[in-house]
Amino acid sequence: MPSRNRPLAPSKVDSVFGDIVQLIEAARQRAYQAVNTELIDLYWKVGSIISRKIAAAEWGDGVVDQLADHLAVTQPGLQGFTRRNLFRMRQFYDAYKDDEKVSPLVTQLPWTHNLIILGQSKRPEEREFYLRMAIREKWSKRELERQFNASLFARIVLNKSKVSPLVTLTHPDAGAVFKDSYVVEFLSLQEGHSESDLHKGLLSRLKTFLLELGRDFCFVGSEFPVQVGDRDFALDLVFFHRGLNCLVAIELKVVRFEPEHLGKLNFYLEALDRDHRKAHENPAIGVLLCASKNDEVVEYALSRSLSPALVAQYQTQLPDKKLLQAKLHEFYALNMDKGH
């Protein structure tokens, strides 16, 4: 007769405990959604008050500045109620207040997703398209940005001729369906999804490689939000380098290197330094990696405020470009071999 105290075989653990793990994960997801719903509802209500006060000429921009200062003093540690974000709450409310069909959707996405859609959409139907798609496809911030950059709305909804021949053959009325309900089953996105999978696979390998490279690299976060002007972006990976005492932003492009990629990364670094760098830390560093079928490119972006001595220190302690390039080539080949 088997002993009750005998532990399960490792091979059986996943199957035996799987139900409990699923219950925990489902509860976490429900808790996260509940918190997110409350947060978006709070931002909506605050935006409503600000909108009405300004419309009635009771408040001006200066009063909103006072509100931000008052909250900073009376609610220490409270984040998300800066002057900029308060005006975004007003913009958020004004954009959806009269649209009963779309306004319930906004609570199903995080605030950053909502800001990306609000800031980059040019018309109400475009906002609705990306809201529904992001909810249905469970897009990350990075994937949502990628779909905006790829002009998905314009290609699919505004231009019938862009519907792929295969979709047209299997669903002759696909063009009308796109305009009516944006049904995702009809979208010809295999190429985009493959690129997304490749991007995720490469990032996962790069993160592991950098953490194994030495104890100086400490992981801070992925899809790290930064604000440039009135738009929100997400950095692929952000580390803190203990030896250099600075943040290190990693941006990966699965396309051929273009000079503007480096220019954009410099804007992100300025945002990192402005909003996230602590007083005792050095300016942030950017690492741009471009991987394509033909070549791999690695470039460092350094703040213009760096002294020559600090530049020399950075160059000494950062991983060699050729090493990163070789690893990027290796990871690209591995991911392509796996069918990504």
C-alpha atoms as a PDB file:
ATOM      1  CA  MET A   1       0.000   0.000   0.000  1.00  0.00           C
ATOM      2  CA  PRO A   2       1.577   3.365  -1.031  1.00  0.00           C
ATOM      3  CA  SER A   3       2.495   5.799   1.742  1.00  0.00           C
ATOM      4  CA  ARG A   4       0.379   8.967   2.032  1.00  0.00           C
ATOM      5  CA  ASN A   5       3.537  10.935   2.787  1.00  0.00           C
ATOM      6  CA  ARG A   6       5.290   9.933  -0.393  1.00  0.00           C
ATOM      7  CA  PRO A   7       5.710  12.983  -2.699  1.00  0.00           C
ATOM      8  CA  LEU A   8       4.405  12.975  -6.234  1.00  0.00           C
ATOM      9  CA  ALA A   9       6.737  12.166  -9.089  1.00  0.00           C
ATOM     10  CA  PRO A  10       7.975  15.378 -10.800  1.00  0.00           C
ATOM     11  CA  SER A  11       6.404  14.282 -14.080  1.00  0.00           C
ATOM     12  CA  LYS A  12       2.954  14.229 -12.466  1.00  0.00           C
ATOM     13  CA  VAL A  13       3.114  17.531 -10.619  1.00  0.00           C
ATOM     14  CA  ASP A  14       1.859  19.724 -13.478  1.00  0.00           C
ATOM     15  CA  SER A  15      -1.130  17.513 -14.252  1.00  0.00           C
ATOM     16  CA  VAL A  16      -2.135  16.960 -10.608  1.00  0.00           C
ATOM     17  CA  PHE A  17      -1.768  20.582  -9.499  1.00  0.00           C
ATOM     18  CA  GLY A  18      -2.849  22.139 -12.799  1.00  0.00           C
ATOM     19  CA  ASP A  19      -6.414  22.899 -11.658  1.00  0.00           C
ATOM     20  CA  ILE A  20      -5.209  24.829  -8.617  1.00  0.00           C
ATOM     21  CA  VAL A  21      -2.696  26.799 -10.680  1.00  0.00           C
ATOM     22  CA  GLN A  22      -5.461  27.710 -13.143  1.00  0.00           C
ATOM     23  CA  LEU A  23      -7.708  28.874 -10.290  1.00  0.00           C
ATOM     24  CA  ILE A  24      -4.928  31.114  -8.952  1.00  0.00           C
ATOM     25  CA  GLU A  25      -4.185  32.583 -12.375  1.00  0.00           C
ATOM     26  CA  ALA A  26      -7.874  33.178 -13.081  1.00  0.00           C
ATOM     27  CA  ALA A  27      -8.307  34.909  -9.705  1.00  0.00           C
ATOM     28  CA  ARG A  28      -5.281  37.111 -10.372  1.00  0.00           C
ATOM     29  CA  GLN A  29      -6.673  38.097 -13.751  1.00  0.00           C
ATOM     30  CA  ARG A  30     -10.065  38.961 -12.266  1.00  0.00           C
ATOM     31  CA  ALA A  31      -8.392  41.009  -9.525  1.00  0.00           C
ATOM     32  CA  TYR A  32      -6.257  42.853 -12.068  1.00  0.00           C
ATOM     33  CA  GLN A  33      -9.292  43.590 -14.244  1.00  0.00           C
ATOM     34  CA  ALA A  34     -11.264  44.833 -11.250  1.00  0.00           C
ATOM     35  CA  VAL A  35      -8.454  47.193 -10.212  1.00  0.00           C
ATOM     36  CA  ASN A  36      -8.032  48.393 -13.799  1.00  0.00           C
ATOM     37  CA  THR A  37     -11.782  49.029 -14.150  1.00  0.00           C
ATOM     38  CA  GLU A  38     -11.773  51.095 -10.961  1.00  0.00           C
ATOM     39  CA  LEU A  39      -8.720  53.071 -12.093  1.00  0.00           C
ATOM     40  CA  ILE A  40     -10.151  53.886 -15.527  1.00  0.00           C
ATOM     41  CA  ASP A  41     -13.479  54.795 -13.926  1.00  0.00           C
ATOM     42  CA  LEU A  42     -11.626  57.143 -11.544  1.00  0.00           C
ATOM     43  CA  TYR A  43      -9.762  58.820 -14.415  1.00  0.00           C
ATOM     44  CA  TRP A  44     -13.075  59.166 -16.291  1.00  0.00           C
ATOM     45  CA  LYS A  45     -14.764  60.884 -13.337  1.00  0.00           C
ATOM     46  CA  VAL A  46     -11.814  63.209 -12.695  1.00  0.00           C
ATOM     47  CA  GLY A  47     -11.728  64.053 -16.421  1.00  0.00           C
ATOM     48  CA  SER A  48     -15.460  64.757 -16.300  1.00  0.00           C
ATOM     49  CA  ILE A  49     -15.075  67.252 -13.433  1.00  0.00           C
ATOM     50  CA  ILE A  50     -12.168  69.048 -15.106  1.00  0.00           C
ATOM     51  CA  SER A  51     -13.999  69.160 -18.451  1.00  0.00           C
ATOM     52  CA  ARG A  52     -17.174  70.615 -16.968  1.00  0.00           C
ATOM     53  CA  LYS A  53     -15.299  73.182 -14.845  1.00  0.00           C
ATOM     54  CA  ILE A  54     -13.261  74.412 -17.807  1.00  0.00           C
ATOM     55  CA  ALA A  55     -16.305  74.447 -20.127  1.00  0.00           C
ATOM     56  CA  ALA A  56     -18.184  76.572 -17.593  1.00  0.00           C
ATOM     57  CA  ALA A  57     -15.195  78.931 -17.322  1.00  0.00           C
ATOM     58  CA  GLU A  58     -14.916  78.128 -13.607  1.00  0.00           C
ATOM     59  CA  TRP A  59     -11.409  76.723 -14.054  1.00  0.00           C
ATOM     60  CA  GLY A  60      -8.463  77.603 -16.253  1.00  0.00           C
ATOM     61  CA  ASP A  61      -5.150  75.874 -16.845  1.00  0.00           C
ATOM     62  CA  GLY A  62      -3.737  77.459 -13.708  1.00  0.00           C
ATOM     63  CA  VAL A  63      -6.383  75.825 -11.519  1.00  0.00           C
ATOM     64  CA  VAL A  64      -5.469  72.412 -12.944  1.00  0.00           C
ATOM     65  CA  ASP A  65      -1.835  73.147 -12.042  1.00  0.00           C
ATOM     66  CA  GLN A  66      -2.991  73.927  -8.495  1.00  0.00           C
ATOM     67  CA  LEU A  67      -4.951  70.669  -8.399  1.00  0.00           C
ATOM     68  CA  ALA A  68      -1.847  68.687  -9.382  1.00  0.00           C
ATOM     69  CA  ASP A  69       0.204  70.448  -6.678  1.00  0.00           C
ATOM     70  CA  HIS A  70      -2.539  69.927  -4.083  1.00  0.00           C
ATOM     71  CA  LEU A  71      -2.758  66.184  -4.809  1.00  0.00           C
ATOM     72  CA  ALA A  72       1.023  65.851  -4.632  1.00  0.00           C
ATOM     73  CA  VAL A  73       0.971  67.362  -1.118  1.00  0.00           C
ATOM     74  CA  THR A  74      -2.171  65.735   0.284  1.00  0.00           C
ATOM     75  CA  GLN A  75      -1.714  62.331  -1.374  1.00  0.00           C
ATOM     76  CA  PRO A  76       2.039  61.590  -1.037  1.00  0.00           C
ATOM     77  CA  GLY A  77       3.142  58.682  -3.166  1.00  0.00           C
ATOM     78  CA  LEU A  78       0.121  58.954  -5.460  1.00  0.00           C
ATOM     79  CA  GLN A  79       1.168  58.531  -9.085  1.00  0.00           C
ATOM     80  CA  GLY A  80      -0.590  59.419 -12.305  1.00  0.00           C
ATOM     81  CA  PHE A  81      -2.015  62.798 -11.285  1.00  0.00           C
ATOM     82  CA  THR A  82       0.512  65.148 -12.812  1.00  0.00           C
ATOM     83  CA  ARG A  83      -0.660  68.222 -14.704  1.00  0.00           C
ATOM     84  CA  ARG A  84      -0.124  66.402 -18.007  1.00  0.00           C
ATOM     85  CA  ASN A  85      -2.107  63.373 -16.929  1.00  0.00           C
ATOM     86  CA  LEU A  86      -4.955  65.473 -15.532  1.00  0.00           C
ATOM     87  CA  PHE A  87      -5.392  67.150 -18.909  1.00  0.00           C
ATOM     88  CA  ARG A  88      -5.262  63.705 -20.529  1.00  0.00           C
ATOM     89  CA  MET A  89      -8.105  62.599 -18.274  1.00  0.00           C
ATOM     90  CA  ARG A  90     -10.098  65.554 -19.557  1.00  0.00           C
ATOM     91  CA  GLN A  91      -9.230  64.638 -23.166  1.00  0.00           C
ATOM     92  CA  PHE A  92     -10.137  61.001 -22.444  1.00  0.00           C
ATOM     93  CA  TYR A  93     -13.565  61.967 -21.098  1.00  0.00           C
ATOM     94  CA  ASP A  94     -14.281  64.433 -23.921  1.00  0.00           C
ATOM     95  CA  ALA A  95     -13.389  61.812 -26.578  1.00  0.00           C
ATOM     96  CA  TYR A  96     -15.862  59.174 -25.387  1.00  0.00           C
ATOM     97  CA  LYS A  97     -18.543  60.968 -23.315  1.00  0.00           C
ATOM     98  CA  ASP A  98     -21.099  61.026 -26.155  1.00  0.00           C
ATOM     99  CA  ASP A  99     -20.367  57.547 -27.539  1.00  0.00           C
ATOM    100  CA  GLU A 100     -22.449  55.035 -25.578  1.00  0.00           C
ATOM    101  CA  LYS A 101     -21.359  52.192 -27.850  1.00  0.00           C
ATOM    102  CA  VAL A 102     -17.612  52.690 -27.343  1.00  0.00           C
ATOM    103  CA  SER A 103     -17.263  54.171 -23.848  1.00  0.00           C
ATOM    104  CA  PRO A 104     -17.830  50.794 -22.066  1.00  0.00           C
ATOM    105  CA  LEU A 105     -14.817  49.376 -23.936  1.00  0.00           C
ATOM    106  CA  VAL A 106     -12.246  51.688 -22.367  1.00  0.00           C
ATOM    107  CA  THR A 107     -12.361  49.971 -18.958  1.00  0.00           C
ATOM    108  CA  GLN A 108     -11.235  46.708 -20.561  1.00  0.00           C
ATOM    109  CA  LEU A 109      -7.800  48.116 -21.424  1.00  0.00           C
ATOM    110  CA  PRO A 110      -5.033  49.586 -19.240  1.00  0.00           C
ATOM    111  CA  TRP A 111      -4.588  53.348 -19.113  1.00  0.00           C
ATOM    112  CA  THR A 112      -1.437  53.263 -21.252  1.00  0.00           C
ATOM    113  CA  HIS A 113      -3.285  51.399 -24.019  1.00  0.00           C
ATOM    114  CA  ASN A 114      -6.042  54.000 -23.874  1.00  0.00           C
ATOM    115  CA  LEU A 115      -3.516  56.824 -24.127  1.00  0.00           C
ATOM    116  CA  ILE A 116      -1.846  55.253 -27.159  1.00  0.00           C
ATOM    117  CA  ILE A 117      -5.200  54.853 -28.933  1.00  0.00           C
ATOM    118  CA  LEU A 118      -6.338  58.327 -27.937  1.00  0.00           C
ATOM    119  CA  GLY A 119      -3.094  59.987 -28.995  1.00  0.00           C
ATOM    120  CA  GLN A 120      -2.571  58.227 -32.311  1.00  0.00           C
ATOM    121  CA  SER A 121      -6.110  57.860 -33.714  1.00  0.00           C
ATOM    122  CA  LYS A 122      -7.282  60.538 -36.143  1.00  0.00           C
ATOM    123  CA  ARG A 123     -11.019  59.837 -36.042  1.00  0.00           C
ATOM    124  CA  PRO A 124     -13.630  58.203 -33.763  1.00  0.00           C
ATOM    125  CA  GLU A 125     -14.016  55.072 -35.907  1.00  0.00           C
ATOM    126  CA  GLU A 126     -10.255  54.525 -35.782  1.00  0.00           C
ATOM    127  CA  ARG A 127     -10.348  54.703 -31.987  1.00  0.00           C
ATOM    128  CA  GLU A 128     -13.155  52.139 -31.936  1.00  0.00           C
ATOM    129  CA  PHE A 129     -11.255  49.842 -34.297  1.00  0.00           C
ATOM    130  CA  TYR A 130      -8.122  49.760 -32.150  1.00  0.00           C
ATOM    131  CA  LEU A 131     -10.089  49.466 -28.893  1.00  0.00           C
ATOM    132  CA  ARG A 132     -11.940  46.396 -30.159  1.00  0.00           C
ATOM    133  CA  MET A 133      -8.857  44.830 -31.730  1.00  0.00           C
ATOM    134  CA  ALA A 134      -6.654  45.382 -28.657  1.00  0.00           C
ATOM    135  CA  ILE A 135      -9.300  43.814 -26.402  1.00  0.00           C
ATOM    136  CA  ARG A 136      -9.965  40.872 -28.670  1.00  0.00           C
ATOM    137  CA  GLU A 137      -6.338  40.099 -29.522  1.00  0.00           C
ATOM    138  CA  LYS A 138      -5.018  40.935 -26.034  1.00  0.00           C
ATOM    139  CA  TRP A 139      -2.348  43.146 -27.580  1.00  0.00           C
ATOM    140  CA  SER A 140       0.543  44.303 -25.451  1.00  0.00           C
ATOM    141  CA  LYS A 141       1.479  47.986 -25.516  1.00  0.00           C
ATOM    142  CA  ARG A 142       4.296  47.168 -27.902  1.00  0.00           C
ATOM    143  CA  GLU A 143       2.041  45.237 -30.272  1.00  0.00           C
ATOM    144  CA  LEU A 144      -0.541  48.038 -30.218  1.00  0.00           C
ATOM    145  CA  GLU A 145       2.185  50.528 -31.172  1.00  0.00           C
ATOM    146  CA  ARG A 146       3.348  48.198 -33.939  1.00  0.00           C
ATOM    147  CA  GLN A 147      -0.143  47.989 -35.420  1.00  0.00           C
ATOM    148  CA  PHE A 148      -0.424  51.790 -35.431  1.00  0.00           C
ATOM    149  CA  ASN A 149       2.983  52.045 -37.106  1.00  0.00           C
ATOM    150  CA  ALA A 150       1.818  49.500 -39.683  1.00  0.00           C
ATOM    151  CA  SER A 151      -1.343  51.601 -40.342  1.00  0.00           C
ATOM    152  CA  LEU A 152      -3.566  48.574 -39.777  1.00  0.00           C
ATOM    153  CA  PHE A 153      -6.775  50.630 -39.708  1.00  0.00           C
ATOM    154  CA  ALA A 154      -5.999  52.352 -42.995  1.00  0.00           C
ATOM    155  CA  ARG A 155      -4.952  49.124 -44.701  1.00  0.00           C
ATOM    156  CA  ILE A 156      -7.893  47.039 -43.531  1.00  0.00           C
ATOM    157  CA  VAL A 157     -10.819  49.401 -43.055  1.00  0.00           C
ATOM    158  CA  LEU A 158     -10.223  52.346 -45.361  1.00  0.00           C
ATOM    159  CA  ASN A 159      -8.752  50.492 -48.327  1.00  0.00           C
ATOM    160  CA  LYS A 160     -10.737  47.516 -49.586  1.00  0.00           C
ATOM    161  CA  SER A 161      -8.084  46.667 -52.164  1.00  0.00           C
ATOM    162  CA  LYS A 162      -5.681  45.771 -49.353  1.00  0.00           C
ATOM    163  CA  VAL A 163      -7.761  42.761 -48.292  1.00  0.00           C
ATOM    164  CA  SER A 164      -5.696  39.727 -49.249  1.00  0.00           C
ATOM    165  CA  PRO A 165      -6.824  37.601 -52.253  1.00  0.00           C
ATOM    166  CA  LEU A 166      -7.125  34.531 -50.026  1.00  0.00           C
ATOM    167  CA  VAL A 167      -9.501  36.305 -47.637  1.00  0.00           C
ATOM    168  CA  THR A 168     -11.511  37.710 -50.559  1.00  0.00           C
ATOM    169  CA  LEU A 169     -11.801  34.218 -52.055  1.00  0.00           C
ATOM    170  CA  THR A 170     -12.958  32.538 -48.839  1.00  0.00           C
ATOM    171  CA  HIS A 171     -15.052  35.505 -47.635  1.00  0.00           C
ATOM    172  CA  PRO A 172     -16.310  37.556 -50.626  1.00  0.00           C
ATOM    173  CA  ASP A 173     -17.997  40.108 -48.343  1.00  0.00           C
ATOM    174  CA  ALA A 174     -14.925  40.616 -46.168  1.00  0.00           C
ATOM    175  CA  GLY A 175     -14.565  44.284 -47.122  1.00  0.00           C
ATOM    176  CA  ALA A 176     -18.027  45.107 -45.834  1.00  0.00           C
ATOM    177  CA  VAL A 177     -17.460  43.043 -42.706  1.00  0.00           C
ATOM    178  CA  PHE A 178     -14.343  45.061 -41.861  1.00  0.00           C
ATOM    179  CA  LYS A 179     -16.298  48.306 -42.017  1.00  0.00           C
ATOM    180  CA  ASP A 180     -19.221  46.950 -40.013  1.00  0.00           C
ATOM    181  CA  SER A 181     -17.670  44.997 -37.142  1.00  0.00           C
ATOM    182  CA  TYR A 182     -13.914  44.598 -37.688  1.00  0.00           C
ATOM    183  CA  VAL A 183     -14.168  40.821 -37.233  1.00  0.00           C
ATOM    184  CA  VAL A 184     -10.662  39.607 -36.582  1.00  0.00           C
ATOM    185  CA  GLU A 185     -11.145  36.159 -38.120  1.00  0.00           C
ATOM    186  CA  PHE A 186     -11.053  37.751 -41.560  1.00  0.00           C
ATOM    187  CA  LEU A 187      -7.837  39.694 -41.027  1.00  0.00           C
ATOM    188  CA  SER A 188      -4.878  38.499 -43.039  1.00  0.00           C
ATOM    189  CA  LEU A 189      -2.265  39.054 -40.331  1.00  0.00           C
ATOM    190  CA  GLN A 190      -0.078  35.964 -40.546  1.00  0.00           C
ATOM    191  CA  GLU A 191       2.964  37.897 -41.658  1.00  0.00           C
ATOM    192  CA  GLY A 192       2.524  40.453 -38.878  1.00  0.00           C
ATOM    193  CA  HIS A 193       2.007  37.780 -36.254  1.00  0.00           C
ATOM    194  CA  SER A 194       5.154  35.997 -37.427  1.00  0.00           C
ATOM    195  CA  GLU A 195       7.133  39.209 -37.054  1.00  0.00           C
ATOM    196  CA  SER A 196       5.649  39.723 -33.605  1.00  0.00           C
ATOM    197  CA  ASP A 197       6.615  36.191 -32.559  1.00  0.00           C
ATOM    198  CA  LEU A 198      10.142  36.743 -33.850  1.00  0.00           C
ATOM    199  CA  HIS A 199      10.366  40.013 -31.921  1.00  0.00           C
ATOM    200  CA  LYS A 200       9.193  38.359 -28.691  1.00  0.00           C
ATOM    201  CA  GLY A 201      11.538  35.395 -29.138  1.00  0.00           C
ATOM    202  CA  LEU A 202      14.571  37.604 -29.727  1.00  0.00           C
ATOM    203  CA  LEU A 203      13.762  39.821 -26.740  1.00  0.00           C
ATOM    204  CA  SER A 204      13.413  36.818 -24.460  1.00  0.00           C
ATOM    205  CA  ARG A 205      16.833  35.497 -25.496  1.00  0.00           C
ATOM    206  CA  LEU A 206      18.467  38.932 -25.232  1.00  0.00           C
ATOM    207  CA  LYS A 207      17.086  39.478 -21.744  1.00  0.00           C
ATOM    208  CA  THR A 208      18.432  36.115 -20.569  1.00  0.00           C
ATOM    209  CA  PHE A 209      21.820  36.739 -22.207  1.00  0.00           C
ATOM    210  CA  LEU A 210      22.273  40.171 -20.588  1.00  0.00           C
ATOM    211  CA  LEU A 211      21.313  38.884 -17.142  1.00  0.00           C
ATOM    212  CA  GLU A 212      23.797  36.038 -17.513  1.00  0.00           C
ATOM    213  CA  LEU A 213      26.508  38.387 -18.772  1.00  0.00           C
ATOM    214  CA  GLY A 214      27.266  39.617 -15.266  1.00  0.00           C
ATOM    215  CA  ARG A 215      25.679  40.864 -12.088  1.00  0.00           C
ATOM    216  CA  ASP A 216      25.835  44.494 -13.181  1.00  0.00           C
ATOM    217  CA  PHE A 217      22.705  44.210 -15.342  1.00  0.00           C
ATOM    218  CA  CYS A 218      19.533  44.332 -13.217  1.00  0.00           C
ATOM    219  CA  PHE A 219      16.210  43.927 -15.020  1.00  0.00           C
ATOM    220  CA  VAL A 220      13.764  46.822 -14.537  1.00  0.00           C
ATOM    221  CA  GLY A 221      10.926  46.009 -16.913  1.00  0.00           C
ATOM    222  CA  SER A 222       9.663  45.214 -20.402  1.00  0.00           C
ATOM    223  CA  GLU A 223       7.395  47.458 -22.499  1.00  0.00           C
ATOM    224  CA  PHE A 224       8.553  50.251 -20.198  1.00  0.00           C
ATOM    225  CA  PRO A 225       6.310  53.342 -20.720  1.00  0.00           C
ATOM    226  CA  VAL A 226       7.872  56.675 -21.695  1.00  0.00           C
ATOM    227  CA  GLN A 227       6.220  59.922 -22.770  1.00  0.00           C
ATOM    228  CA  VAL A 228       7.615  61.980 -25.636  1.00  0.00           C
ATOM    229  CA  GLY A 229       5.632  65.150 -26.225  1.00  0.00           C
ATOM    230  CA  ASP A 230       1.958  64.230 -26.000  1.00  0.00           C
ATOM    231  CA  ARG A 231       2.482  60.625 -27.112  1.00  0.00           C
ATOM    232  CA  ASP A 232       3.165  57.442 -25.169  1.00  0.00           C
ATOM    233  CA  PHE A 233       5.689  54.832 -26.222  1.00  0.00           C
ATOM    234  CA  ALA A 234       6.947  51.570 -24.764  1.00  0.00           C
ATOM    235  CA  LEU A 235      10.631  50.601 -24.597  1.00  0.00           C
ATOM    236  CA  ASP A 236      11.283  46.916 -25.270  1.00  0.00           C
ATOM    237  CA  LEU A 237      13.532  46.298 -22.246  1.00  0.00           C
ATOM    238  CA  VAL A 238      14.967  48.503 -19.506  1.00  0.00           C
ATOM    239  CA  PHE A 239      17.845  47.472 -17.221  1.00  0.00           C
ATOM    240  CA  PHE A 240      19.788  49.226 -14.502  1.00  0.00           C
ATOM    241  CA  HIS A 241      23.564  48.892 -14.786  1.00  0.00           C
ATOM    242  CA  ARG A 242      25.077  48.903 -11.299  1.00  0.00           C
ATOM    243  CA  GLY A 243      28.629  49.575 -12.457  1.00  0.00           C
ATOM    244  CA  LEU A 244      27.636  52.560 -14.576  1.00  0.00           C
ATOM    245  CA  ASN A 245      24.868  53.679 -12.207  1.00  0.00           C
ATOM    246  CA  CYS A 246      22.395  54.336 -15.011  1.00  0.00           C
ATOM    247  CA  LEU A 247      19.352  53.001 -16.804  1.00  0.00           C
ATOM    248  CA  VAL A 248      19.947  51.054 -20.027  1.00  0.00           C
ATOM    249  CA  ALA A 249      17.147  51.021 -22.618  1.00  0.00           C
ATOM    250  CA  ILE A 250      17.075  48.197 -25.171  1.00  0.00           C
ATOM    251  CA  GLU A 251      15.175  48.718 -28.424  1.00  0.00           C
ATOM    252  CA  LEU A 252      14.896  45.836 -30.900  1.00  0.00           C
ATOM    253  CA  LYS A 253      13.819  46.204 -34.533  1.00  0.00           C
ATOM    254  CA  VAL A 254      13.244  43.157 -36.723  1.00  0.00           C
ATOM    255  CA  VAL A 255      13.910  45.233 -39.819  1.00  0.00           C
ATOM    256  CA  ARG A 256      16.911  46.713 -41.598  1.00  0.00           C
ATOM    257  CA  PHE A 257      18.687  49.486 -39.704  1.00  0.00           C
ATOM    258  CA  GLU A 258      17.575  53.023 -40.517  1.00  0.00           C
ATOM    259  CA  PRO A 259      19.194  56.177 -39.040  1.00  0.00           C
ATOM    260  CA  GLU A 260      15.824  57.433 -37.765  1.00  0.00           C
ATOM    261  CA  HIS A 261      15.670  54.441 -35.392  1.00  0.00           C
ATOM    262  CA  LEU A 262      18.639  55.891 -33.533  1.00  0.00           C
ATOM    263  CA  GLY A 263      17.096  59.353 -33.549  1.00  0.00           C
ATOM    264  CA  LYS A 264      13.899  58.059 -31.933  1.00  0.00           C
ATOM    265  CA  LEU A 265      15.891  56.190 -29.299  1.00  0.00           C
ATOM    266  CA  ASN A 266      17.603  59.444 -28.311  1.00  0.00           C
ATOM    267  CA  PHE A 267      14.181  61.007 -27.688  1.00  0.00           C
ATOM    268  CA  TYR A 268      13.267  58.030 -25.485  1.00  0.00           C
ATOM    269  CA  LEU A 269      16.492  58.463 -23.491  1.00  0.00           C
ATOM    270  CA  GLU A 270      15.675  62.109 -22.838  1.00  0.00           C
ATOM    271  CA  ALA A 271      12.251  61.024 -21.546  1.00  0.00           C
ATOM    272  CA  LEU A 272      13.848  58.371 -19.330  1.00  0.00           C
ATOM    273  CA  ASP A 273      16.231  60.913 -17.844  1.00  0.00           C
ATOM    274  CA  ARG A 274      13.500  63.504 -17.380  1.00  0.00           C
ATOM    275  CA  ASP A 275      10.871  61.265 -15.779  1.00  0.00           C
ATOM    276  CA  HIS A 276      12.676  58.271 -14.262  1.00  0.00           C
ATOM    277  CA  ARG A 277      16.344  59.032 -13.538  1.00  0.00           C
ATOM    278  CA  LYS A 278      17.139  59.649  -9.871  1.00  0.00           C
ATOM    279  CA  ALA A 279      19.331  62.557  -8.814  1.00  0.00           C
ATOM    280  CA  HIS A 280      22.381  60.396  -8.031  1.00  0.00           C
ATOM    281  CA  GLU A 281      22.232  58.411 -11.292  1.00  0.00           C
ATOM    282  CA  ASN A 282      24.117  59.010 -14.527  1.00  0.00           C
ATOM    283  CA  PRO A 283      22.311  59.705 -17.835  1.00  0.00           C
ATOM    284  CA  ALA A 284      20.622  56.715 -19.481  1.00  0.00           C
ATOM    285  CA  ILE A 285      22.157  54.665 -22.274  1.00  0.00           C
ATOM    286  CA  GLY A 286      20.314  53.278 -25.299  1.00  0.00           C
ATOM    287  CA  VAL A 287      21.134  50.076 -27.144  1.00  0.00           C
ATOM    288  CA  LEU A 288      19.567  49.735 -30.600  1.00  0.00           C
ATOM    289  CA  LEU A 289      19.551  46.265 -32.154  1.00  0.00           C
ATOM    290  CA  CYS A 290      18.293  45.677 -35.695  1.00  0.00           C
ATOM    291  CA  ALA A 291      17.897  42.124 -36.971  1.00  0.00           C
ATOM    292  CA  SER A 292      16.934  41.248 -40.534  1.00  0.00           C
ATOM    293  CA  LYS A 293      17.544  38.478 -43.053  1.00  0.00           C
ATOM    294  CA  ASN A 294      20.590  40.259 -44.424  1.00  0.00           C
ATOM    295  CA  ASP A 295      22.440  41.611 -41.411  1.00  0.00           C
ATOM    296  CA  GLU A 296      22.407  42.542 -37.725  1.00  0.00           C
ATOM    297  CA  VAL A 297      23.296  46.018 -36.495  1.00  0.00           C
ATOM    298  CA  VAL A 298      24.104  47.131 -32.940  1.00  0.00           C
ATOM    299  CA  GLU A 299      24.381  50.824 -32.062  1.00  0.00           C
ATOM    300  CA  TYR A 300      24.760  52.638 -28.742  1.00  0.00           C
ATOM    301  CA  ALA A 301      22.944  55.898 -28.069  1.00  0.00           C
ATOM    302  CA  LEU A 302      24.574  58.140 -25.465  1.00  0.00           C
ATOM    303  CA  SER A 303      23.274  61.348 -23.945  1.00  0.00           C
ATOM    304  CA  ARG A 304      24.753  64.541 -25.379  1.00  0.00           C
ATOM    305  CA  SER A 305      25.328  65.767 -21.822  1.00  0.00           C
ATOM    306  CA  LEU A 306      27.918  63.069 -21.080  1.00  0.00           C
ATOM    307  CA  SER A 307      31.444  64.200 -20.324  1.00  0.00           C
ATOM    308  CA  PRO A 308      34.313  62.600 -22.307  1.00  0.00           C
ATOM    309  CA  ALA A 309      35.432  60.787 -19.150  1.00  0.00           C
ATOM    310  CA  LEU A 310      31.990  59.273 -18.605  1.00  0.00           C
ATOM    311  CA  VAL A 311      31.740  58.283 -22.279  1.00  0.00           C
ATOM    312  CA  ALA A 312      35.045  56.434 -21.917  1.00  0.00           C
ATOM    313  CA  GLN A 313      33.755  54.704 -18.766  1.00  0.00           C
ATOM    314  CA  TYR A 314      30.569  53.665 -20.527  1.00  0.00           C
ATOM    315  CA  GLN A 315      32.487  52.245 -23.480  1.00  0.00           C
ATOM    316  CA  THR A 316      34.725  50.234 -21.150  1.00  0.00           C
ATOM    317  CA  GLN A 317      31.919  48.604 -19.174  1.00  0.00           C
ATOM    318  CA  LEU A 318      29.271  48.072 -21.845  1.00  0.00           C
ATOM    319  CA  PRO A 319      29.185  44.771 -23.777  1.00  0.00           C
ATOM    320  CA  ASP A 320      31.245  44.870 -26.951  1.00  0.00           C
ATOM    321  CA  LYS A 321      29.190  45.658 -30.081  1.00  0.00           C
ATOM    322  CA  LYS A 322      30.652  42.700 -31.946  1.00  0.00           C
ATOM    323  CA  LEU A 323      29.647  40.332 -29.128  1.00  0.00           C
ATOM    324  CA  LEU A 324      26.070  41.645 -29.146  1.00  0.00           C
ATOM    325  CA  GLN A 325      25.978  41.495 -32.934  1.00  0.00           C
ATOM    326  CA  ALA A 326      27.168  37.870 -32.918  1.00  0.00           C
ATOM    327  CA  LYS A 327      24.598  36.938 -30.284  1.00  0.00           C
ATOM    328  CA  LEU A 328      21.841  38.726 -32.189  1.00  0.00           C
ATOM    329  CA  HIS A 329      22.805  36.776 -35.326  1.00  0.00           C
ATOM    330  CA  GLU A 330      22.753  33.534 -33.329  1.00  0.00           C
ATOM    331  CA  PHE A 331      19.370  34.269 -31.724  1.00  0.00           C
ATOM    332  CA  TYR A 332      17.878  35.332 -35.069  1.00  0.00           C
ATOM    333  CA  ALA A 333      18.953  32.033 -36.649  1.00  0.00           C
ATOM    334  CA  LEU A 334      17.596  30.021 -33.717  1.00  0.00           C
ATOM    335  CA  ASN A 335      14.208  31.730 -33.884  1.00  0.00           C
ATOM    336  CA  MET A 336      13.958  31.354 -37.658  1.00  0.00           C
ATOM    337  CA  ASP A 337      14.800  27.647 -37.339  1.00  0.00           C
ATOM    338  CA  LYS A 338      11.877  27.283 -34.940  1.00  0.00           C
ATOM    339  CA  GLY A 339       9.531  28.615 -37.603  1.00  0.00           C
ATOM    340  CA  HIS A 340       9.191  32.134 -36.306  1.00  0.00           C
END
